[in-house]
Protein backbone atom coordinates (compact mmCIF):
# COMPACT_ATOMS: atom_id res chain seq x y z
CA UNK A 1 -9.16 3.06 -7.91
CA UNK A 2 -11.85 3.74 -10.48
CA UNK A 3 -13.43 1.05 -12.63
CA UNK A 4 -11.80 2.62 -15.70
CA UNK A 5 -8.35 2.44 -14.11
CA UNK A 6 -8.99 -1.16 -13.05
CA UNK A 7 -9.94 -2.07 -16.63
CA UNK A 8 -6.77 -0.39 -17.91
CA UNK A 9 -4.72 -2.29 -15.34
CA UNK A 10 -6.47 -5.53 -16.33
CA UNK A 11 -5.45 -4.94 -19.94
CA UNK A 12 -1.85 -4.23 -18.84
CA UNK A 13 -1.84 -7.52 -16.91
CA UNK A 14 -3.28 -9.43 -19.86
CA UNK A 15 -0.63 -7.93 -22.14
CA UNK A 16 2.09 -8.82 -19.62
CA UNK A 17 0.83 -12.41 -19.42
CA UNK A 18 0.33 -12.62 -23.20
CA UNK A 19 -3.39 -13.27 -22.81
CA UNK A 20 -4.90 -12.10 -26.09
CA UNK A 21 -8.42 -13.51 -25.77
CA UNK A 22 -11.44 -11.98 -24.08
CA UNK A 23 -13.16 -14.27 -21.63
CA UNK A 24 -15.37 -13.14 -18.77
CA UNK A 25 -14.15 -15.85 -16.38
CA UNK A 26 -10.47 -15.11 -17.12
CA UNK A 27 -11.06 -11.38 -16.65
CA UNK A 28 -12.87 -12.00 -13.35
CA UNK A 29 -10.06 -14.24 -12.07
CA UNK A 30 -7.36 -11.75 -13.09
CA UNK A 31 -9.29 -8.84 -11.59
CA UNK A 32 -9.47 -10.71 -8.28
CA UNK A 33 -5.73 -11.38 -8.42
CA UNK A 34 -5.09 -7.70 -9.18
CA UNK A 35 -7.19 -6.56 -6.21
CA UNK A 36 -5.54 -9.04 -3.85
CA UNK A 37 -2.10 -8.05 -5.15
CA UNK A 38 -2.83 -4.36 -4.67
CA UNK A 39 -3.98 -4.97 -1.09
CA UNK A 40 -0.93 -7.13 -0.37
CA UNK A 41 1.55 -4.61 -1.78
CA UNK A 42 -0.15 -1.70 0.02
CA UNK A 43 0.19 -3.67 3.25
CA UNK A 44 3.88 -4.35 2.63
CA UNK A 45 4.52 -0.69 1.81
CA UNK A 46 2.59 0.37 4.90
CA UNK A 47 0.33 2.71 2.95
CA UNK A 48 -3.13 2.50 1.46
CA UNK A 49 -2.62 4.30 -1.82
CA UNK A 50 0.24 3.00 -3.95
CA UNK A 51 0.06 4.26 -7.53
CA UNK A 52 -0.34 1.16 -9.67
CA UNK A 53 -1.02 3.17 -12.82
CA UNK A 54 2.45 4.75 -13.04
CA UNK A 55 5.25 2.78 -14.65
CA UNK A 56 7.14 2.32 -11.38
CA UNK A 57 8.00 -0.38 -8.87
CA UNK A 58 4.46 -0.82 -7.43
CA UNK A 59 3.06 -1.62 -10.89
CA UNK A 60 6.00 -3.84 -11.77
CA UNK A 61 5.59 -5.80 -8.53
CA UNK A 62 1.84 -6.06 -9.10
CA UNK A 63 2.35 -7.50 -12.58
CA UNK A 64 4.73 -10.10 -11.17
CA UNK A 65 2.38 -10.84 -8.25
CA UNK A 66 -0.41 -11.61 -10.72
CA UNK A 67 1.97 -13.66 -12.87
CA UNK A 68 2.86 -15.81 -9.87
CA UNK A 69 -0.77 -16.04 -8.70
CA UNK A 70 -1.90 -17.05 -12.20
CA UNK A 71 0.74 -19.80 -12.24
CA UNK A 72 -0.27 -21.08 -8.78
CA UNK A 73 3.20 -20.18 -7.48
CA UNK A 74 2.28 -17.37 -5.11
CA UNK A 75 3.99 -19.06 -2.18
CA UNK A 76 7.41 -18.23 -3.70
CA UNK A 77 6.60 -14.67 -4.80
CA UNK A 78 7.83 -13.01 -1.61
CA UNK A 79 10.99 -15.11 -1.55
CA UNK A 80 11.85 -14.33 -5.18
CA UNK A 81 11.06 -10.61 -4.85
CA UNK A 82 12.32 -10.10 -1.31
CA UNK A 83 14.75 -7.29 -2.14
CA UNK A 84 12.21 -5.42 -4.30
CA UNK A 85 9.53 -5.73 -1.61
CA UNK A 86 11.94 -4.52 1.07
CA UNK A 87 12.92 -1.56 -1.12
CA UNK A 88 9.24 -0.73 -1.64
CA UNK A 89 8.61 -0.85 2.11
CA UNK A 90 11.64 1.27 2.97
CA UNK A 91 10.89 3.84 0.27
CA UNK A 92 7.34 4.46 1.42
CA UNK A 93 8.19 4.34 5.12
CA UNK A 94 10.98 6.88 4.65
CA UNK A 95 8.56 9.10 2.69
CA UNK A 96 6.04 8.81 5.52
CA UNK A 97 8.74 9.68 8.07
CA UNK A 98 9.80 12.73 6.04
CA UNK A 99 6.18 13.88 5.82
CA UNK A 100 5.79 13.37 9.57
CA UNK A 101 8.93 15.38 10.29
CA UNK A 102 7.71 18.24 8.09
CA UNK A 103 4.37 18.29 9.90
CA UNK A 104 6.07 18.71 13.29
CA UNK A 105 8.16 21.69 12.19
C-alpha cells in the first residue's frame, strides 16, 4: 500500500471515529492500528493483499478493528465480528481454490 493510500485510509478512519483534529501523535497511533489491523485481516483471509481502499467487507472490518483497538477493547473484536471474519476467510479461500482449479485445467 502506498503512502498516499495509507493517508487516505487514515482520513477514512478519523472520519469513522469522528476525530476532527490533526495531531501527529494521534495520527501515528492510528496508523499503527491500521497497519496491525491490515496484517491481522490479511492473515484471517489467508491472503496478503486484501483491498482496503474499496468500500467492501475488508475496509469495513478494518474500520471496526481500529475502533476497537482505539477503545482498548481489541480482545472482544474477534468475538463480536466472528461471522464477518469467517465470511471473509471463506470468501477469499474459495476464490483461491477457484483460481487453483483454473490453473490446473
